């Protein structure tokens, strides 16, 4: 059986990789993938804390499933926005969105 602390380390690693990717990338798709990594880290934390604090109940698992559903909807909306930006500006860079201010 894998100790719960390994899940916390994995979650922290995924979270910091996601934050680093979000801060350093200028591509919208790469930024979306980084946000998904952050959300997956949160899902791992939900499941790990459920296993640590309440091993006989499934509230953390249900929260994880709900969070995965919200993440899927967020990804669909974000990809639609990215496609709209690409169609208007022929670029998927964050710098092209600054033209929307005018």
PDB file of N, CA and C in Angstrom:
ATOM      1  N   UNK A   1       0.834  -1.175   0.000  1.00  0.00           N
ATOM      2  CA  UNK A   1       0.000   0.000   0.000  1.00  0.00           C
ATOM      3  C   UNK A   1       0.888   1.250   0.000  1.00  0.00           C
ATOM      4  N   UNK A   2       0.563   2.202  -0.844  1.00  0.00           N
ATOM      5  CA  UNK A   2       1.350   3.422  -0.979  1.00  0.00           C
ATOM      6  C   UNK A   2       0.982   4.386   0.146  1.00  0.00           C
ATOM      7  N   UNK A   3       1.986   4.934   0.840  1.00  0.00           N
ATOM      8  CA  UNK A   3       1.677   5.906   1.910  1.00  0.00           C
ATOM      9  C   UNK A   3       1.044   7.179   1.347  1.00  0.00           C
ATOM     10  N   UNK A   4       0.219   7.819   2.156  1.00  0.00           N
ATOM     11  CA  UNK A   4      -0.512   9.010   1.732  1.00  0.00           C
ATOM     12  C   UNK A   4       0.451  10.159   1.434  1.00  0.00           C
ATOM     13  N   UNK A   5       1.583  10.180   2.117  1.00  0.00           N
ATOM     14  CA  UNK A   5       2.533  11.264   1.920  1.00  0.00           C
ATOM     15  C   UNK A   5       3.061  11.303   0.489  1.00  0.00           C
ATOM     16  N   UNK A   6       3.162  10.165  -0.166  1.00  0.00           N
ATOM     17  CA  UNK A   6       3.605  10.137  -1.559  1.00  0.00           C
ATOM     18  C   UNK A   6       2.608  10.847  -2.471  1.00  0.00           C
ATOM     19  N   UNK A   7       1.325  10.705  -2.165  1.00  0.00           N
ATOM     20  CA  UNK A   7       0.309  11.405  -2.951  1.00  0.00           C
ATOM     21  C   UNK A   7       0.409  12.919  -2.752  1.00  0.00           C
ATOM     22  N   UNK A   8       0.721  13.343  -1.526  1.00  0.00           N
ATOM     23  CA  UNK A   8       0.892  14.770  -1.270  1.00  0.00           C
ATOM     24  C   UNK A   8       2.113  15.322  -2.000  1.00  0.00           C
ATOM     25  N   UNK A   9       3.184  14.557  -2.039  1.00  0.00           N
ATOM     26  CA  UNK A   9       4.390  14.985  -2.761  1.00  0.00           C
ATOM     27  C   UNK A   9       4.101  15.057  -4.257  1.00  0.00           C
ATOM     28  N   UNK A  10       3.408  14.062  -4.783  1.00  0.00           N
ATOM     29  CA  UNK A  10       3.040  14.080  -6.194  1.00  0.00           C
ATOM     30  C   UNK A  10       2.140  15.264  -6.511  1.00  0.00           C
ATOM     31  N   UNK A  11       1.195  15.542  -5.639  1.00  0.00           N
ATOM     32  CA  UNK A  11       0.287  16.666  -5.840  1.00  0.00           C
ATOM     33  C   UNK A  11       1.033  17.993  -5.813  1.00  0.00           C
ATOM     34  N   UNK A  12       1.949  18.145  -4.873  1.00  0.00           N
ATOM     35  CA  UNK A  12       2.736  19.386  -4.805  1.00  0.00           C
ATOM     36  C   UNK A  12       3.605  19.540  -6.047  1.00  0.00           C
ATOM     37  N   UNK A  13       4.190  18.457  -6.507  1.00  0.00           N
ATOM     38  CA  UNK A  13       5.017  18.495  -7.709  1.00  0.00           C
ATOM     39  C   UNK A  13       4.190  18.900  -8.932  1.00  0.00           C
ATOM     40  N   UNK A  14       3.031  18.289  -9.097  1.00  0.00           N
ATOM     41  CA  UNK A  14       2.153  18.662 -10.212  1.00  0.00           C
ATOM     42  C   UNK A  14       1.705  20.113 -10.119  1.00  0.00           C
ATOM     43  N   UNK A  15       1.395  20.564  -8.909  1.00  0.00           N
ATOM     44  CA  UNK A  15       0.955  21.936  -8.721  1.00  0.00           C
ATOM     45  C   UNK A  15       2.044  22.924  -9.122  1.00  0.00           C
ATOM     46  N   UNK A  16       3.268  22.699  -8.661  1.00  0.00           N
ATOM     47  CA  UNK A  16       4.341  23.644  -8.968  1.00  0.00           C
ATOM     48  C   UNK A  16       4.758  23.579 -10.431  1.00  0.00           C
ATOM     49  N   UNK A  17       4.685  22.415 -11.054  1.00  0.00           N
ATOM     50  CA  UNK A  17       4.941  22.327 -12.497  1.00  0.00           C
ATOM     51  C   UNK A  17       3.877  23.108 -13.254  1.00  0.00           C
ATOM     52  N   UNK A  18       2.622  23.006 -12.825  1.00  0.00           N
ATOM     53  CA  UNK A  18       1.541  23.749 -13.467  1.00  0.00           C
ATOM     54  C   UNK A  18       1.688  25.248 -13.303  1.00  0.00           C
ATOM     55  N   UNK A  19       2.043  25.693 -12.111  1.00  0.00           N
ATOM     56  CA  UNK A  19       2.235  27.127 -11.878  1.00  0.00           C
ATOM     57  C   UNK A  19       3.410  27.636 -12.699  1.00  0.00           C
ATOM     58  N   UNK A  20       4.511  26.884 -12.726  1.00  0.00           N
ATOM     59  CA  UNK A  20       5.677  27.289 -13.513  1.00  0.00           C
ATOM     60  C   UNK A  20       5.324  27.364 -14.999  1.00  0.00           C
ATOM     61  N   UNK A  21       4.595  26.375 -15.496  1.00  0.00           N
ATOM     62  CA  UNK A  21       4.190  26.389 -16.899  1.00  0.00           C
ATOM     63  C   UNK A  21       3.257  27.539 -17.218  1.00  0.00           C
ATOM     64  N   UNK A  22       2.360  27.863 -16.309  1.00  0.00           N
ATOM     65  CA  UNK A  22       1.428  28.958 -16.549  1.00  0.00           C
ATOM     66  C   UNK A  22       2.141  30.299 -16.567  1.00  0.00           C
ATOM     67  N   UNK A  23       3.110  30.473 -15.699  1.00  0.00           N
ATOM     68  CA  UNK A  23       3.808  31.752 -15.603  1.00  0.00           C
ATOM     69  C   UNK A  23       4.793  31.946 -16.755  1.00  0.00           C
ATOM     70  N   UNK A  24       5.432  30.875 -17.206  1.00  0.00           N
ATOM     71  CA  UNK A  24       6.500  31.020 -18.199  1.00  0.00           C
ATOM     72  C   UNK A  24       6.036  30.901 -19.644  1.00  0.00           C
ATOM     73  N   UNK A  25       4.935  30.292 -19.920  1.00  0.00           N
ATOM     74  CA  UNK A  25       4.497  30.076 -21.304  1.00  0.00           C
ATOM     75  C   UNK A  25       3.714  31.262 -21.826  1.00  0.00           C
ATOM     76  N   UNK A  26       3.818  31.506 -23.125  1.00  0.00           N
ATOM     77  CA  UNK A  26       3.058  32.566 -23.773  1.00  0.00           C
ATOM     78  C   UNK A  26       2.024  31.993 -24.742  1.00  0.00           C
ATOM     79  N   UNK A  27       1.966  30.682 -24.852  1.00  0.00           N
ATOM     80  CA  UNK A  27       1.036  30.007 -25.737  1.00  0.00           C
ATOM     81  C   UNK A  27      -0.236  29.674 -24.950  1.00  0.00           C
ATOM     82  N   UNK A  28      -1.393  29.956 -25.532  1.00  0.00           N
ATOM     83  CA  UNK A  28      -2.656  29.733 -24.820  1.00  0.00           C
ATOM     84  C   UNK A  28      -2.914  28.261 -24.524  1.00  0.00           C
ATOM     85  N   UNK A  29      -2.576  27.381 -25.456  1.00  0.00           N
ATOM     86  CA  UNK A  29      -2.798  25.947 -25.240  1.00  0.00           C
ATOM     87  C   UNK A  29      -1.894  25.439 -24.108  1.00  0.00           C
ATOM     88  N   UNK A  30      -0.632  25.876 -24.085  1.00  0.00           N
ATOM     89  CA  UNK A  30       0.280  25.463 -23.016  1.00  0.00           C
ATOM     90  C   UNK A  30      -0.198  25.988 -21.668  1.00  0.00           C
ATOM     91  N   UNK A  31      -0.754  27.188 -21.653  1.00  0.00           N
ATOM     92  CA  UNK A  31      -1.280  27.734 -20.405  1.00  0.00           C
ATOM     93  C   UNK A  31      -2.495  26.939 -19.936  1.00  0.00           C
ATOM     94  N   UNK A  32      -3.348  26.519 -20.864  1.00  0.00           N
ATOM     95  CA  UNK A  32      -4.506  25.698 -20.513  1.00  0.00           C
ATOM     96  C   UNK A  32      -4.068  24.353 -19.951  1.00  0.00           C
ATOM     97  N   UNK A  33      -3.059  23.748 -20.535  1.00  0.00           N
ATOM     98  CA  UNK A  33      -2.541  22.478 -20.019  1.00  0.00           C
ATOM     99  C   UNK A  33      -1.972  22.667 -18.618  1.00  0.00           C
ATOM    100  N   UNK A  34      -1.325  23.799 -18.380  1.00  0.00           N
ATOM    101  CA  UNK A  34      -0.786  24.080 -17.044  1.00  0.00           C
ATOM    102  C   UNK A  34      -1.903  24.231 -16.012  1.00  0.00           C
ATOM    103  N   UNK A  35      -2.983  24.876 -16.396  1.00  0.00           N
ATOM    104  CA  UNK A  35      -4.125  25.003 -15.483  1.00  0.00           C
ATOM    105  C   UNK A  35      -4.726  23.630 -15.194  1.00  0.00           C
ATOM    106  N   UNK A  36      -4.767  22.775 -16.192  1.00  0.00           N
ATOM    107  CA  UNK A  36      -5.278  21.419 -15.980  1.00  0.00           C
ATOM    108  C   UNK A  36      -4.380  20.631 -15.030  1.00  0.00           C
ATOM    109  N   UNK A  37      -3.068  20.834 -15.114  1.00  0.00           N
ATOM    110  CA  UNK A  37      -2.163  20.187 -14.164  1.00  0.00           C
ATOM    111  C   UNK A  37      -2.450  20.649 -12.735  1.00  0.00           C
ATOM    112  N   UNK A  38      -2.707  21.937 -12.579  1.00  0.00           N
ATOM    113  CA  UNK A  38      -3.023  22.468 -11.248  1.00  0.00           C
ATOM    114  C   UNK A  38      -4.319  21.844 -10.734  1.00  0.00           C
ATOM    115  N   UNK A  39      -5.313  21.745 -11.580  1.00  0.00           N
ATOM    116  CA  UNK A  39      -6.588  21.150 -11.157  1.00  0.00           C
ATOM    117  C   UNK A  39      -6.439  19.664 -10.843  1.00  0.00           C
ATOM    118  N   UNK A  40      -5.584  18.954 -11.579  1.00  0.00           N
ATOM    119  CA  UNK A  40      -5.335  17.546 -11.264  1.00  0.00           C
ATOM    120  C   UNK A  40      -4.628  17.394  -9.921  1.00  0.00           C
ATOM    121  N   UNK A  41      -3.756  18.337  -9.589  1.00  0.00           N
ATOM    122  CA  UNK A  41      -3.109  18.309  -8.279  1.00  0.00           C
ATOM    123  C   UNK A  41      -4.146  18.473  -7.170  1.00  0.00           C
ATOM    124  N   UNK A  42      -5.118  19.338  -7.394  1.00  0.00           N
ATOM    125  CA  UNK A  42      -6.194  19.516  -6.411  1.00  0.00           C
ATOM    126  C   UNK A  42      -7.011  18.237  -6.273  1.00  0.00           C
ATOM    127  N   UNK A  43      -7.280  17.575  -7.379  1.00  0.00           N
ATOM    128  CA  UNK A  43      -8.035  16.316  -7.332  1.00  0.00           C
ATOM    129  C   UNK A  43      -7.290  15.245  -6.542  1.00  0.00           C
ATOM    130  N   UNK A  44      -5.978  15.172  -6.739  1.00  0.00           N
ATOM    131  CA  UNK A  44      -5.192  14.197  -5.975  1.00  0.00           C
ATOM    132  C   UNK A  44      -5.250  14.529  -4.486  1.00  0.00           C
ATOM    133  N   UNK A  45      -5.218  15.815  -4.158  1.00  0.00           N
ATOM    134  CA  UNK A  45      -5.317  16.210  -2.744  1.00  0.00           C
ATOM    135  C   UNK A  45      -6.665  15.836  -2.148  1.00  0.00           C
ATOM    136  N   UNK A  46      -7.752  16.032  -2.898  1.00  0.00           N
ATOM    137  CA  UNK A  46      -9.067  15.631  -2.410  1.00  0.00           C
ATOM    138  C   UNK A  46      -9.077  14.148  -2.055  1.00  0.00           C
ATOM    139  N   UNK A  47      -8.584  13.323  -2.963  1.00  0.00           N
ATOM    140  CA  UNK A  47      -8.602  11.882  -2.734  1.00  0.00           C
ATOM    141  C   UNK A  47      -7.667  11.483  -1.589  1.00  0.00           C
ATOM    142  N   UNK A  48      -6.502  12.118  -1.509  1.00  0.00           N
ATOM    143  CA  UNK A  48      -5.541  11.754  -0.457  1.00  0.00           C
ATOM    144  C   UNK A  48      -6.036  12.179   0.919  1.00  0.00           C
ATOM    145  N   UNK A  49      -6.603  13.388   1.017  1.00  0.00           N
ATOM    146  CA  UNK A  49      -7.131  13.814   2.315  1.00  0.00           C
ATOM    147  C   UNK A  49      -8.327  12.963   2.728  1.00  0.00           C
ATOM    148  N   UNK A  50      -9.128  12.529   1.772  1.00  0.00           N
ATOM    149  CA  UNK A  50     -10.237  11.639   2.101  1.00  0.00           C
ATOM    150  C   UNK A  50      -9.711  10.327   2.663  1.00  0.00           C
ATOM    151  N   UNK A  51      -8.673   9.797   2.036  1.00  0.00           N
ATOM    152  CA  UNK A  51      -8.108   8.539   2.513  1.00  0.00           C
ATOM    153  C   UNK A  51      -7.453   8.704   3.877  1.00  0.00           C
ATOM    154  N   UNK A  52      -6.835   9.862   4.126  1.00  0.00           N
ATOM    155  CA  UNK A  52      -6.140  10.092   5.390  1.00  0.00           C
ATOM    156  C   UNK A  52      -7.108  10.354   6.537  1.00  0.00           C
ATOM    157  N   UNK A  53      -8.095  11.217   6.313  1.00  0.00           N
ATOM    158  CA  UNK A  53      -8.971  11.645   7.408  1.00  0.00           C
ATOM    159  C   UNK A  53     -10.201  10.760   7.588  1.00  0.00           C
ATOM    160  N   UNK A  54     -10.814  10.351   6.485  1.00  0.00           N
ATOM    161  CA  UNK A  54     -12.054   9.565   6.549  1.00  0.00           C
ATOM    162  C   UNK A  54     -11.930   8.350   5.629  1.00  0.00           C
ATOM    163  N   UNK A  55     -11.181   7.326   6.040  1.00  0.00           N
ATOM    164  CA  UNK A  55     -10.933   6.200   5.131  1.00  0.00           C
ATOM    165  C   UNK A  55     -12.171   5.380   4.769  1.00  0.00           C
ATOM    166  N   UNK A  56     -13.227   5.451   5.577  1.00  0.00           N
ATOM    167  CA  UNK A  56     -14.394   4.625   5.279  1.00  0.00           C
ATOM    168  C   UNK A  56     -15.474   5.360   4.487  1.00  0.00           C
ATOM    169  N   UNK A  57     -15.300   6.655   4.238  1.00  0.00           N
ATOM    170  CA  UNK A  57     -16.321   7.406   3.501  1.00  0.00           C
ATOM    171  C   UNK A  57     -15.781   7.840   2.141  1.00  0.00           C
ATOM    172  N   UNK A  58     -16.687   8.351   1.313  1.00  0.00           N
ATOM    173  CA  UNK A  58     -16.324   8.672  -0.066  1.00  0.00           C
ATOM    174  C   UNK A  58     -16.554  10.131  -0.429  1.00  0.00           C
ATOM    175  N   UNK A  59     -16.623  11.039   0.559  1.00  0.00           N
ATOM    176  CA  UNK A  59     -16.884  12.440   0.242  1.00  0.00           C
ATOM    177  C   UNK A  59     -15.783  13.044  -0.612  1.00  0.00           C
ATOM    178  N   UNK A  60     -14.528  12.735  -0.296  1.00  0.00           N
ATOM    179  CA  UNK A  60     -13.410  13.246  -1.090  1.00  0.00           C
ATOM    180  C   UNK A  60     -13.434  12.722  -2.505  1.00  0.00           C
ATOM    181  N   UNK A  61     -13.860  11.481  -2.674  1.00  0.00           N
ATOM    182  CA  UNK A  61     -13.937  10.910  -4.014  1.00  0.00           C
ATOM    183  C   UNK A  61     -15.032  11.593  -4.836  1.00  0.00           C
ATOM    184  N   UNK A  62     -16.156  11.899  -4.185  1.00  0.00           N
ATOM    185  CA  UNK A  62     -17.225  12.596  -4.889  1.00  0.00           C
ATOM    186  C   UNK A  62     -16.807  14.016  -5.255  1.00  0.00           C
ATOM    187  N   UNK A  63     -16.075  14.676  -4.351  1.00  0.00           N
ATOM    188  CA  UNK A  63     -15.559  16.009  -4.670  1.00  0.00           C
ATOM    189  C   UNK A  63     -14.576  15.941  -5.835  1.00  0.00           C
ATOM    190  N   UNK A  64     -13.778  14.886  -5.878  1.00  0.00           N
ATOM    191  CA  UNK A  64     -12.844  14.698  -6.989  1.00  0.00           C
ATOM    192  C   UNK A  64     -13.596  14.512  -8.301  1.00  0.00           C
ATOM    193  N   UNK A  65     -14.639  13.705  -8.296  1.00  0.00           N
ATOM    194  CA  UNK A  65     -15.422  13.508  -9.519  1.00  0.00           C
ATOM    195  C   UNK A  65     -16.117  14.797  -9.955  1.00  0.00           C
ATOM    196  N   UNK A  66     -16.635  15.552  -9.009  1.00  0.00           N
ATOM    197  CA  UNK A  66     -17.249  16.838  -9.322  1.00  0.00           C
ATOM    198  C   UNK A  66     -16.223  17.796  -9.901  1.00  0.00           C
ATOM    199  N   UNK A  67     -15.037  17.833  -9.319  1.00  0.00           N
ATOM    200  CA  UNK A  67     -13.974  18.708  -9.801  1.00  0.00           C
ATOM    201  C   UNK A  67     -13.519  18.301 -11.204  1.00  0.00           C
ATOM    202  N   UNK A  68     -13.464  17.022 -11.484  1.00  0.00           N
ATOM    203  CA  UNK A  68     -13.097  16.563 -12.829  1.00  0.00           C
ATOM    204  C   UNK A  68     -14.150  17.007 -13.837  1.00  0.00           C
ATOM    205  N   UNK A  69     -15.417  16.940 -13.471  1.00  0.00           N
ATOM    206  CA  UNK A  69     -16.483  17.417 -14.363  1.00  0.00           C
ATOM    207  C   UNK A  69     -16.396  18.904 -14.627  1.00  0.00           C
ATOM    208  N   UNK A  70     -16.122  19.670 -13.585  1.00  0.00           N
ATOM    209  CA  UNK A  70     -15.966  21.124 -13.757  1.00  0.00           C
ATOM    210  C   UNK A  70     -14.742  21.418 -14.618  1.00  0.00           C
ATOM    211  N   UNK A  71     -13.668  20.659 -14.423  1.00  0.00           N
ATOM    212  CA  UNK A  71     -12.461  20.853 -15.229  1.00  0.00           C
ATOM    213  C   UNK A  71     -12.721  20.555 -16.703  1.00  0.00           C
ATOM    214  N   UNK A  72     -13.521  19.542 -16.974  1.00  0.00           N
ATOM    215  CA  UNK A  72     -13.845  19.214 -18.367  1.00  0.00           C
ATOM    216  C   UNK A  72     -14.657  20.329 -19.014  1.00  0.00           C
ATOM    217  N   UNK A  73     -15.616  20.864 -18.283  1.00  0.00           N
ATOM    218  CA  UNK A  73     -16.405  21.975 -18.822  1.00  0.00           C
ATOM    219  C   UNK A  73     -15.541  23.209 -19.022  1.00  0.00           C
ATOM    220  N   UNK A  74     -14.649  23.470 -18.079  1.00  0.00           N
ATOM    221  CA  UNK A  74     -13.734  24.615 -18.196  1.00  0.00           C
ATOM    222  C   UNK A  74     -12.830  24.447 -19.402  1.00  0.00           C
ATOM    223  N   UNK A  75     -12.351  23.244 -19.655  1.00  0.00           N
ATOM    224  CA  UNK A  75     -11.486  22.998 -20.811  1.00  0.00           C
ATOM    225  C   UNK A  75     -12.232  23.218 -22.123  1.00  0.00           C
ATOM    226  N   UNK A  76     -13.476  22.780 -22.179  1.00  0.00           N
ATOM    227  CA  UNK A  76     -14.261  22.960 -23.400  1.00  0.00           C
ATOM    228  C   UNK A  76     -14.486  24.440 -23.696  1.00  0.00           C
ATOM    229  N   UNK A  77     -14.802  25.213 -22.674  1.00  0.00           N
ATOM    230  CA  UNK A  77     -15.010  26.654 -22.865  1.00  0.00           C
ATOM    231  C   UNK A  77     -13.702  27.338 -23.236  1.00  0.00           C
ATOM    232  N   UNK A  78     -12.613  26.966 -22.579  1.00  0.00           N
ATOM    233  CA  UNK A  78     -11.318  27.585 -22.865  1.00  0.00           C
ATOM    234  C   UNK A  78     -10.857  27.269 -24.285  1.00  0.00           C
ATOM    235  N   UNK A  79     -11.058  26.045 -24.741  1.00  0.00           N
ATOM    236  CA  UNK A  79     -10.661  25.700 -26.111  1.00  0.00           C
ATOM    237  C   UNK A  79     -11.513  26.462 -27.113  1.00  0.00           C
ATOM    238  N   UNK A  80     -12.799  26.654 -26.834  1.00  0.00           N
ATOM    239  CA  UNK A  80     -13.647  27.452 -27.732  1.00  0.00           C
ATOM    240  C   UNK A  80     -13.162  28.900 -27.788  1.00  0.00           C
ATOM    241  N   UNK A  81     -12.755  29.452 -26.658  1.00  0.00           N
ATOM    242  CA  UNK A  81     -12.225  30.819 -26.647  1.00  0.00           C
ATOM    243  C   UNK A  81     -10.916  30.887 -27.407  1.00  0.00           C
ATOM    244  N   UNK A  82     -10.051  29.898 -27.231  1.00  0.00           N
ATOM    245  CA  UNK A  82      -8.768  29.882 -27.941  1.00  0.00           C
ATOM    246  C   UNK A  82      -8.984  29.774 -29.444  1.00  0.00           C
ATOM    247  N   UNK A  83      -9.938  28.965 -29.866  1.00  0.00           N
ATOM    248  CA  UNK A  83     -10.243  28.863 -31.301  1.00  0.00           C
ATOM    249  C   UNK A  83     -10.758  30.193 -31.829  1.00  0.00           C
ATOM    250  N   UNK A  84     -11.599  30.879 -31.060  1.00  0.00           N
ATOM    251  CA  UNK A  84     -12.085  32.197 -31.469  1.00  0.00           C
ATOM    252  C   UNK A  84     -10.958  33.213 -31.586  1.00  0.00           C
ATOM    253  N   UNK A  85     -10.039  33.196 -30.646  1.00  0.00           N
ATOM    254  CA  UNK A  85      -8.885  34.106 -30.710  1.00  0.00           C
ATOM    255  C   UNK A  85      -8.030  33.773 -31.925  1.00  0.00           C
ATOM    256  N   UNK A  86      -7.818  32.487 -32.171  1.00  0.00           N
ATOM    257  CA  UNK A  86      -6.993  32.093 -33.313  1.00  0.00           C
ATOM    258  C   UNK A  86      -7.642  32.498 -34.638  1.00  0.00           C
ATOM    259  N   UNK A  87      -8.952  32.363 -34.730  1.00  0.00           N
ATOM    260  CA  UNK A  87      -9.641  32.756 -35.969  1.00  0.00           C
ATOM    261  C   UNK A  87      -9.562  34.256 -36.217  1.00  0.00           C
ATOM    262  N   UNK A  88      -9.611  35.058 -35.159  1.00  0.00           N
ATOM    263  CA  UNK A  88      -9.578  36.505 -35.323  1.00  0.00           C
ATOM    264  C   UNK A  88      -8.174  37.051 -35.533  1.00  0.00           C
ATOM    265  N   UNK A  89      -7.187  36.498 -34.822  1.00  0.00           N
ATOM    266  CA  UNK A  89      -5.847  37.075 -34.842  1.00  0.00           C
ATOM    267  C   UNK A  89      -4.805  36.189 -35.506  1.00  0.00           C
ATOM    268  N   UNK A  90      -5.166  34.977 -35.919  1.00  0.00           N
ATOM    269  CA  UNK A  90      -4.257  34.024 -36.568  1.00  0.00           C
ATOM    270  C   UNK A  90      -3.011  33.779 -35.720  1.00  0.00           C
ATOM    271  N   UNK A  91      -3.210  33.734 -34.418  1.00  0.00           N
ATOM    272  CA  UNK A  91      -2.122  33.479 -33.487  1.00  0.00           C
ATOM    273  C   UNK A  91      -2.717  32.909 -32.202  1.00  0.00           C
ATOM    274  N   UNK A  92      -1.963  32.030 -31.553  1.00  0.00           N
ATOM    275  CA  UNK A  92      -2.409  31.501 -30.271  1.00  0.00           C
ATOM    276  C   UNK A  92      -1.522  32.001 -29.131  1.00  0.00           C
ATOM    277  N   UNK A  93      -0.927  33.153 -29.336  1.00  0.00           N
ATOM    278  CA  UNK A  93      -0.077  33.767 -28.331  1.00  0.00           C
ATOM    279  C   UNK A  93      -0.890  34.694 -27.438  1.00  0.00           C
ATOM    280  N   UNK A  94      -0.451  34.832 -26.202  1.00  0.00           N
ATOM    281  CA  UNK A  94      -1.133  35.713 -25.262  1.00  0.00           C
ATOM    282  C   UNK A  94      -1.012  37.167 -25.709  1.00  0.00           C
ATOM    283  N   UNK A  95       0.077  37.492 -26.377  1.00  0.00           N
ATOM    284  CA  UNK A  95       0.300  38.867 -26.810  1.00  0.00           C
ATOM    285  C   UNK A  95      -0.746  39.330 -27.817  1.00  0.00           C
ATOM    286  N   UNK A  96      -1.340  38.416 -28.566  1.00  0.00           N
ATOM    287  CA  UNK A  96      -2.366  38.803 -29.540  1.00  0.00           C
ATOM    288  C   UNK A  96      -3.670  39.228 -28.860  1.00  0.00           C
ATOM    289  N   UNK A  97      -3.894  38.794 -27.634  1.00  0.00           N
ATOM    290  CA  UNK A  97      -5.128  39.145 -26.926  1.00  0.00           C
ATOM    291  C   UNK A  97      -5.101  40.588 -26.456  1.00  0.00           C
ATOM    292  N   UNK A  98      -3.938  41.180 -26.319  1.00  0.00           N
ATOM    293  CA  UNK A  98      -3.863  42.566 -25.879  1.00  0.00           C
ATOM    294  C   UNK A  98      -4.527  43.512 -26.876  1.00  0.00           C
ATOM    295  N   UNK A  99      -4.681  43.069 -28.121  1.00  0.00           N
ATOM    296  CA  UNK A  99      -5.357  43.883 -29.124  1.00  0.00           C
ATOM    297  C   UNK A  99      -6.870  43.950 -28.869  1.00  0.00           C
ATOM    298  N   UNK A 100      -7.408  43.088 -28.030  1.00  0.00           N
ATOM    299  CA  UNK A 100      -8.826  43.093 -27.713  1.00  0.00           C
ATOM    300  C   UNK A 100      -9.211  44.315 -26.874  1.00  0.00           C
ATOM    301  N   UNK A 101      -8.232  44.952 -26.249  1.00  0.00           N
ATOM    302  CA  UNK A 101      -8.527  46.093 -25.384  1.00  0.00           C
ATOM    303  C   UNK A 101      -9.031  47.287 -26.184  1.00  0.00           C
ATOM    304  N   UNK A 102      -8.635  47.399 -27.425  1.00  0.00           N
ATOM    305  CA  UNK A 102      -9.033  48.590 -28.246  1.00  0.00           C
ATOM    306  C   UNK A 102     -10.430  48.491 -28.737  1.00  0.00           C
TER     307      UNK A 102
END
